[in-house]
N, C-alpha and C. Protein backbone atom coordinates (compact mmCIF):
# COMPACT_ATOMS: atom_id res chain seq x y z
N UNK A 1 7.19 2.77 -18.01
CA UNK A 1 7.04 4.49 -17.98
C UNK A 1 7.43 5.24 -18.82
N UNK A 2 6.93 6.30 -19.30
CA UNK A 2 7.27 7.15 -20.09
C UNK A 2 8.51 7.77 -19.56
N UNK A 3 9.27 8.50 -20.57
CA UNK A 3 9.89 9.39 -20.29
C UNK A 3 10.35 10.02 -18.73
N UNK A 4 10.86 10.39 -17.90
CA UNK A 4 11.24 11.39 -16.73
C UNK A 4 10.97 12.57 -17.41
N UNK A 5 10.36 13.38 -17.03
CA UNK A 5 10.48 14.99 -17.21
C UNK A 5 10.75 15.84 -16.27
N UNK A 6 10.10 15.58 -14.81
CA UNK A 6 10.64 16.57 -13.81
C UNK A 6 10.68 15.74 -12.57
N UNK A 7 11.23 15.95 -11.21
CA UNK A 7 11.58 15.57 -10.49
C UNK A 7 10.53 14.76 -9.85
N UNK A 8 9.30 15.01 -9.90
CA UNK A 8 8.40 14.38 -9.12
C UNK A 8 8.31 12.52 -9.36
N UNK A 9 8.51 12.99 -11.08
CA UNK A 9 8.40 11.21 -11.67
C UNK A 9 9.57 10.72 -11.00
N UNK A 10 10.51 11.13 -10.91
CA UNK A 10 11.82 10.35 -11.02
C UNK A 10 11.87 9.85 -9.18
N UNK A 11 11.13 10.62 -8.48
CA UNK A 11 11.00 10.27 -6.97
C UNK A 11 10.18 8.78 -7.18
N UNK A 12 8.80 9.26 -7.89
CA UNK A 12 7.86 8.16 -7.87
C UNK A 12 8.41 7.23 -7.87
N UNK A 13 9.51 7.25 -9.48
CA UNK A 13 9.97 5.85 -10.44
C UNK A 13 10.56 5.46 -9.07
N UNK A 14 11.93 6.10 -8.18
CA UNK A 14 12.76 5.26 -7.20
C UNK A 14 11.57 4.55 -6.55
N UNK A 15 10.66 5.47 -5.95
CA UNK A 15 9.97 4.65 -4.82
C UNK A 15 9.43 3.30 -5.42
N UNK A 16 8.83 3.39 -6.71
CA UNK A 16 8.66 1.77 -7.23
C UNK A 16 9.27 0.99 -7.21
N UNK A 17 11.10 1.35 -7.48
CA UNK A 17 12.40 0.35 -7.61
C UNK A 17 12.10 -0.08 -5.86
N UNK A 18 11.87 0.90 -5.43
CA UNK A 18 12.44 0.37 -3.51
C UNK A 18 11.43 -0.37 -3.39
N UNK A 19 9.94 -0.35 -3.66
CA UNK A 19 9.15 -1.09 -3.42
C UNK A 19 9.29 -2.70 -3.63
N UNK A 20 10.02 -2.82 -5.17
CA UNK A 20 10.21 -3.88 -5.55
C UNK A 20 11.22 -4.80 -4.81
N UNK A 21 12.42 -3.85 -4.22
CA UNK A 21 13.39 -4.47 -3.65
C UNK A 21 12.89 -4.94 -2.02
N UNK A 22 12.00 -3.85 -1.78
CA UNK A 22 11.61 -4.40 -0.51
C UNK A 22 11.25 -5.71 -0.39
N UNK A 23 9.98 -5.78 -1.57
CA UNK A 23 9.55 -7.28 -1.59
C UNK A 23 9.83 -8.05 -1.78
N UNK A 24 10.97 -8.15 -2.41
CA UNK A 24 11.97 -9.72 -2.62
C UNK A 24 12.96 -9.21 -1.16
N UNK A 25 12.91 -8.46 -0.53
CA UNK A 25 13.56 -8.75 0.94
C UNK A 25 12.42 -9.34 2.14
N UNK A 26 11.24 -8.80 2.18
CA UNK A 26 10.26 -9.57 2.74
C UNK A 26 9.97 -10.77 2.37
N UNK A 27 10.04 -11.37 0.93
CA UNK A 27 9.71 -12.79 0.15
C UNK A 27 11.10 -13.82 0.82
N UNK A 28 12.54 -12.94 1.20
CA UNK A 28 13.50 -13.71 1.38
C UNK A 28 13.86 -14.08 0.17
N UNK A 29 13.88 -13.45 -0.85
CA UNK A 29 14.43 -13.68 -1.85
C UNK A 29 15.80 -13.14 -2.21
N UNK A 30 16.29 -12.41 -1.09
CA UNK A 30 17.63 -11.88 -1.46
C UNK A 30 18.51 -11.90 0.13
N UNK A 31 19.93 -12.35 0.14
CA UNK A 31 20.52 -11.74 1.43
C UNK A 31 21.58 -10.57 0.96
N UNK A 32 21.30 -10.12 0.00
CA UNK A 32 22.11 -8.94 -0.28
C UNK A 32 21.53 -8.04 -0.96
N UNK A 33 20.40 -6.91 -0.38
CA UNK A 33 19.78 -5.81 -0.53
C UNK A 33 20.46 -4.74 -1.50
N UNK A 34 21.78 -4.47 -0.95
CA UNK A 34 22.49 -4.04 -1.72
C UNK A 34 22.70 -4.41 -3.45
N UNK A 35 23.16 -5.30 -3.67
CA UNK A 35 23.31 -5.87 -4.73
C UNK A 35 22.07 -5.83 -5.71
N UNK A 36 20.94 -6.17 -5.28
CA UNK A 36 19.91 -6.15 -5.66
C UNK A 36 19.24 -4.75 -6.12
N UNK A 37 19.72 -3.81 -5.34
CA UNK A 37 19.59 -2.12 -5.49
C UNK A 37 20.19 -2.23 -7.23
N UNK A 38 21.44 -2.42 -7.07
CA UNK A 38 22.22 -2.46 -7.99
C UNK A 38 21.44 -3.13 -9.56
N UNK A 39 21.10 -4.10 -9.13
CA UNK A 39 20.77 -4.55 -10.40
C UNK A 39 19.45 -4.25 -10.63
N UNK A 40 18.71 -3.84 -10.09
CA UNK A 40 17.43 -3.04 -10.27
C UNK A 40 17.56 -1.98 -11.05
N UNK A 41 18.37 -1.10 -10.72
CA UNK A 41 18.76 0.50 -11.11
C UNK A 41 19.53 -0.15 -12.44
N UNK A 42 20.70 -1.02 -12.71
CA UNK A 42 21.43 -1.02 -13.82
C UNK A 42 20.49 -1.66 -15.11
N UNK A 43 19.01 -2.10 -14.35
CA UNK A 43 18.18 -2.54 -15.45
C UNK A 43 17.21 -1.72 -16.01
N UNK A 44 17.36 -0.34 -15.28
CA UNK A 44 16.41 0.30 -15.66
C UNK A 44 16.50 0.90 -17.19
N UNK A 45 15.10 1.08 -17.96
CA UNK A 45 15.18 1.67 -18.96
C UNK A 45 15.77 3.15 -19.02
N UNK A 46 15.60 3.94 -17.72
CA UNK A 46 16.38 5.28 -17.69
C UNK A 46 17.60 5.25 -18.14
N UNK A 47 18.23 3.89 -17.39
CA UNK A 47 19.77 4.20 -17.56
C UNK A 47 20.11 3.22 -18.72
N UNK A 48 19.09 2.44 -19.59
CA UNK A 48 19.86 1.71 -20.33
C UNK A 48 19.68 2.64 -21.95
N UNK A 49 18.52 3.27 -21.97
CA UNK A 49 18.27 3.82 -23.24
C UNK A 49 18.72 5.76 -22.80
N UNK A 50 19.79 5.86 -23.80
CA UNK A 50 20.32 6.74 -23.21
C UNK A 50 19.45 8.20 -23.27
N UNK A 51 18.32 8.33 -24.25
CA UNK A 51 17.70 9.41 -24.18
C UNK A 51 16.62 9.82 -23.47
N UNK A 52 16.25 8.65 -22.57
CA UNK A 52 16.08 8.91 -21.14
C UNK A 52 16.67 9.12 -20.41
N UNK A 53 17.66 8.99 -20.32
CA UNK A 53 18.86 9.05 -19.49
C UNK A 53 19.22 10.45 -19.52
N UNK A 54 19.37 11.12 -20.65
CA UNK A 54 19.40 12.99 -21.04
C UNK A 54 18.47 13.50 -20.38
N UNK A 55 17.23 12.94 -20.67
CA UNK A 55 16.09 13.73 -20.44
C UNK A 55 16.07 14.23 -18.66
N UNK A 56 16.45 12.88 -17.90
CA UNK A 56 16.59 12.97 -16.52
C UNK A 56 17.52 13.97 -16.37
N UNK A 57 18.63 14.25 -16.61
CA UNK A 57 20.00 14.60 -16.56
C UNK A 57 19.58 16.35 -16.70
N UNK A 58 18.35 16.66 -17.61
CA UNK A 58 18.28 17.95 -18.04
C UNK A 58 16.80 18.65 -17.49
N UNK A 59 16.35 17.08 -16.69
CA UNK A 59 14.85 18.01 -16.08
C UNK A 59 15.27 17.53 -14.72
N UNK A 60 15.86 17.06 -13.93
CA UNK A 60 15.55 16.72 -12.45
C UNK A 60 17.07 16.93 -11.81
N UNK A 61 16.90 16.93 -10.70
CA UNK A 61 18.18 17.23 -9.78
C UNK A 61 18.87 15.84 -9.45
N UNK A 62 20.38 15.82 -10.02
CA UNK A 62 20.97 14.44 -10.14
C UNK A 62 22.11 14.58 -9.94
N UNK A 63 21.73 15.43 -8.21
CA UNK A 63 23.47 15.51 -7.62
C UNK A 63 23.97 14.52 -6.88
N UNK A 64 23.44 13.40 -6.77
CA UNK A 64 23.91 12.19 -6.07
C UNK A 64 24.65 11.59 -7.46
N UNK A 65 23.65 11.39 -8.53
CA UNK A 65 24.21 11.19 -9.59
C UNK A 65 25.66 11.71 -10.18
N UNK A 66 25.87 12.85 -9.72
CA UNK A 66 26.98 13.56 -10.24
C UNK A 66 28.15 13.26 -9.38
N UNK A 67 27.67 12.93 -8.50
CA UNK A 67 28.85 12.51 -7.22
C UNK A 67 29.54 11.31 -6.86
N UNK A 68 28.42 10.10 -7.95
CA UNK A 68 28.67 9.01 -8.08
C UNK A 68 29.95 9.05 -9.39
N UNK A 69 29.42 9.78 -10.31
CA UNK A 69 30.58 9.73 -11.22
C UNK A 69 31.83 10.18 -10.78
N UNK A 70 31.97 11.31 -10.28
CA UNK A 70 33.39 11.84 -9.59
C UNK A 70 34.06 10.66 -8.61
N UNK A 71 33.29 10.17 -7.81
CA UNK A 71 33.63 9.14 -7.25
C UNK A 71 34.06 7.68 -7.99
N UNK A 72 33.71 7.53 -9.08
CA UNK A 72 34.19 6.38 -10.14
C UNK A 72 35.42 6.80 -10.95
N UNK A 73 35.11 8.20 -11.29
CA UNK A 73 36.44 8.23 -12.38
C UNK A 73 36.00 7.70 -13.79
N UNK A 74 36.85 8.54 -14.59
CA UNK A 74 36.54 8.00 -15.87
C UNK A 74 36.92 6.76 -16.31
N UNK A 75 36.58 6.02 -17.38
CA UNK A 75 36.86 4.68 -17.48
C UNK A 75 38.24 4.98 -18.49
N UNK A 76 38.85 3.64 -18.69
CA UNK A 76 40.18 4.01 -19.30
C UNK A 76 40.11 4.71 -20.33
N UNK A 77 39.21 4.05 -21.42
CA UNK A 77 38.70 4.76 -22.88
C UNK A 77 38.16 5.86 -22.68
N UNK A 78 38.03 6.77 -21.89
CA UNK A 78 37.30 7.84 -21.60
C UNK A 78 35.96 7.83 -21.77
N UNK A 79 35.17 8.93 -21.39
CA UNK A 79 33.76 9.06 -21.55
C UNK A 79 33.23 9.41 -22.76
N UNK A 80 32.03 8.59 -23.17
CA UNK A 80 30.92 9.12 -24.17
C UNK A 80 30.03 9.98 -23.80
N UNK A 81 29.41 10.98 -24.31
CA UNK A 81 27.78 11.66 -24.05
C UNK A 81 27.29 10.65 -23.26
N UNK A 82 26.48 9.73 -24.12
CA UNK A 82 25.59 8.85 -23.82
C UNK A 82 26.52 8.25 -22.36
N UNK A 83 27.24 7.33 -22.61
CA UNK A 83 27.85 6.75 -21.10
C UNK A 83 27.79 7.68 -20.15
N UNK A 84 28.11 9.06 -20.56
CA UNK A 84 28.36 10.03 -19.02
C UNK A 84 26.86 10.10 -18.54
N UNK A 85 25.74 10.13 -19.41
CA UNK A 85 24.48 10.49 -19.18
C UNK A 85 23.60 9.20 -18.27
N UNK A 86 23.85 8.03 -18.67
CA UNK A 86 23.14 6.66 -18.54
C UNK A 86 24.34 6.59 -17.07
N UNK A 87 25.34 6.91 -16.62
CA UNK A 87 26.28 6.62 -15.72
C UNK A 87 25.63 7.49 -14.29
N UNK A 88 25.27 8.79 -14.68
CA UNK A 88 25.13 9.91 -13.78
C UNK A 88 23.42 9.54 -13.14
N UNK A 89 22.79 8.73 -13.95
CA UNK A 89 21.26 8.44 -14.08
C UNK A 89 21.33 7.17 -13.21
N UNK A 90 22.42 6.36 -13.43
CA UNK A 90 22.15 5.06 -12.35
C UNK A 90 22.89 5.56 -10.86
N UNK A 91 23.67 6.51 -11.18
CA UNK A 91 24.17 6.83 -9.57
C UNK A 91 23.01 7.43 -8.54
N UNK A 92 22.30 8.43 -9.59
CA UNK A 92 20.96 8.92 -8.90
C UNK A 92 20.10 7.80 -8.46
N UNK A 93 19.95 7.11 -9.21
CA UNK A 93 18.62 6.04 -9.13
C UNK A 93 19.36 5.13 -7.70
N UNK A 94 20.66 4.65 -7.92
CA UNK A 94 21.05 3.75 -6.57
C UNK A 94 20.91 4.70 -5.52
N UNK A 95 21.49 6.19 -5.39
CA UNK A 95 21.42 6.82 -4.01
C UNK A 95 19.70 6.67 -3.77
N UNK A 96 19.31 7.04 -4.52
CA UNK A 96 17.53 7.52 -4.59
C UNK A 96 16.94 6.51 -3.63
N UNK A 97 17.39 5.21 -4.29
CA UNK A 97 16.36 3.93 -3.94
C UNK A 97 17.33 3.09 -2.65
N UNK A 98 18.28 3.55 -2.45
CA UNK A 98 19.23 3.47 -1.28
C UNK A 98 18.45 3.84 0.28
N UNK A 99 18.39 4.80 -0.25
CA UNK A 99 17.69 5.67 0.51
C UNK A 99 16.27 5.91 1.40
N UNK A 100 15.20 5.25 0.05
CA UNK A 100 14.08 5.03 0.28
C UNK A 100 14.15 3.20 1.12
N UNK A 101 14.72 2.33 1.05
CA UNK A 101 14.89 1.22 1.36
C UNK A 101 15.45 1.36 2.70
N UNK A 102 16.32 1.90 3.10
CA UNK A 102 16.90 2.40 4.17
C UNK A 102 16.09 2.71 4.94
N UNK A 103 15.24 3.78 4.76
CA UNK A 103 13.91 4.76 5.46
C UNK A 103 13.11 3.64 5.80
N UNK A 104 12.64 2.45 5.00
CA UNK A 104 11.83 1.37 4.97
C UNK A 104 12.14 0.92 5.81
N UNK A 105 13.42 0.25 6.05
CA UNK A 105 13.89 -0.64 7.24
C UNK A 105 14.13 0.04 8.68
N UNK A 106 14.41 1.27 8.75
CA UNK A 106 14.28 1.98 9.83
C UNK A 106 12.78 2.28 10.35
N UNK A 107 11.72 2.33 9.66
CA UNK A 107 10.51 2.43 9.99
C UNK A 107 10.09 1.08 10.48
N UNK A 108 10.58 -0.23 9.90
CA UNK A 108 10.11 -1.31 10.28
C UNK A 108 10.67 -1.91 11.46
N UNK A 109 11.76 -1.49 11.37
CA UNK A 109 12.39 -2.07 13.00
C UNK A 109 11.90 -1.15 13.82
N UNK A 110 11.29 0.36 13.58
CA UNK A 110 10.90 0.91 14.99
C UNK A 110 9.30 -0.22 14.87
N UNK A 111 8.66 -0.05 14.18
CA UNK A 111 7.62 -1.10 14.27
C UNK A 111 7.72 -2.22 15.39
N UNK A 112 8.67 -3.02 15.13
CA UNK A 112 9.09 -4.40 15.73
C UNK A 112 9.56 -3.69 17.08
N UNK A 113 10.29 -3.19 17.26
CA UNK A 113 10.42 -2.48 18.61
C UNK A 113 9.30 -1.69 19.68
N UNK A 114 8.37 -1.02 18.87
CA UNK A 114 7.77 -0.32 19.45
C UNK A 114 7.95 1.45 19.87
N UNK A 115 7.79 1.97 18.52
CA UNK A 115 7.98 3.15 18.53
C UNK A 115 7.73 4.01 19.62
N UNK A 116 6.79 3.52 20.48
CA UNK A 116 6.40 4.48 21.85
C UNK A 116 7.59 4.68 22.97
N UNK A 117 8.47 3.72 22.61
CA UNK A 117 9.75 3.52 23.70
C UNK A 117 10.50 5.00 23.33
N UNK A 118 10.56 5.52 22.20
CA UNK A 118 11.03 6.25 21.40
C UNK A 118 10.51 7.97 21.57
N UNK A 119 9.44 7.89 21.61
CA UNK A 119 8.58 9.30 21.38
C UNK A 119 8.75 10.11 22.73
């Protein structure tokens, strides 16, 4: 994928990551979806390549990523400019992908129990 330059691209990218996670869950390849979400997000080119992380920080809403940064605190040696951008994007991806996977699990649950019971 190219560099993400606007919100819609970021959302679509997160939906693609979530789809991969859901496929792994459905295939029974994981017992811990949260760990898998972290692995997929940590390995993302938008986290690894700093210029891609900077572009997302400049072009998209990264409020979840900024909250993640606040929650984890500064590393012992302090932040670098690049490290901060990558950490914000990592936190943003994890939050978005987790929400999408959670929503998909909720939808699947409603399919299994019969949505008509709750309408």
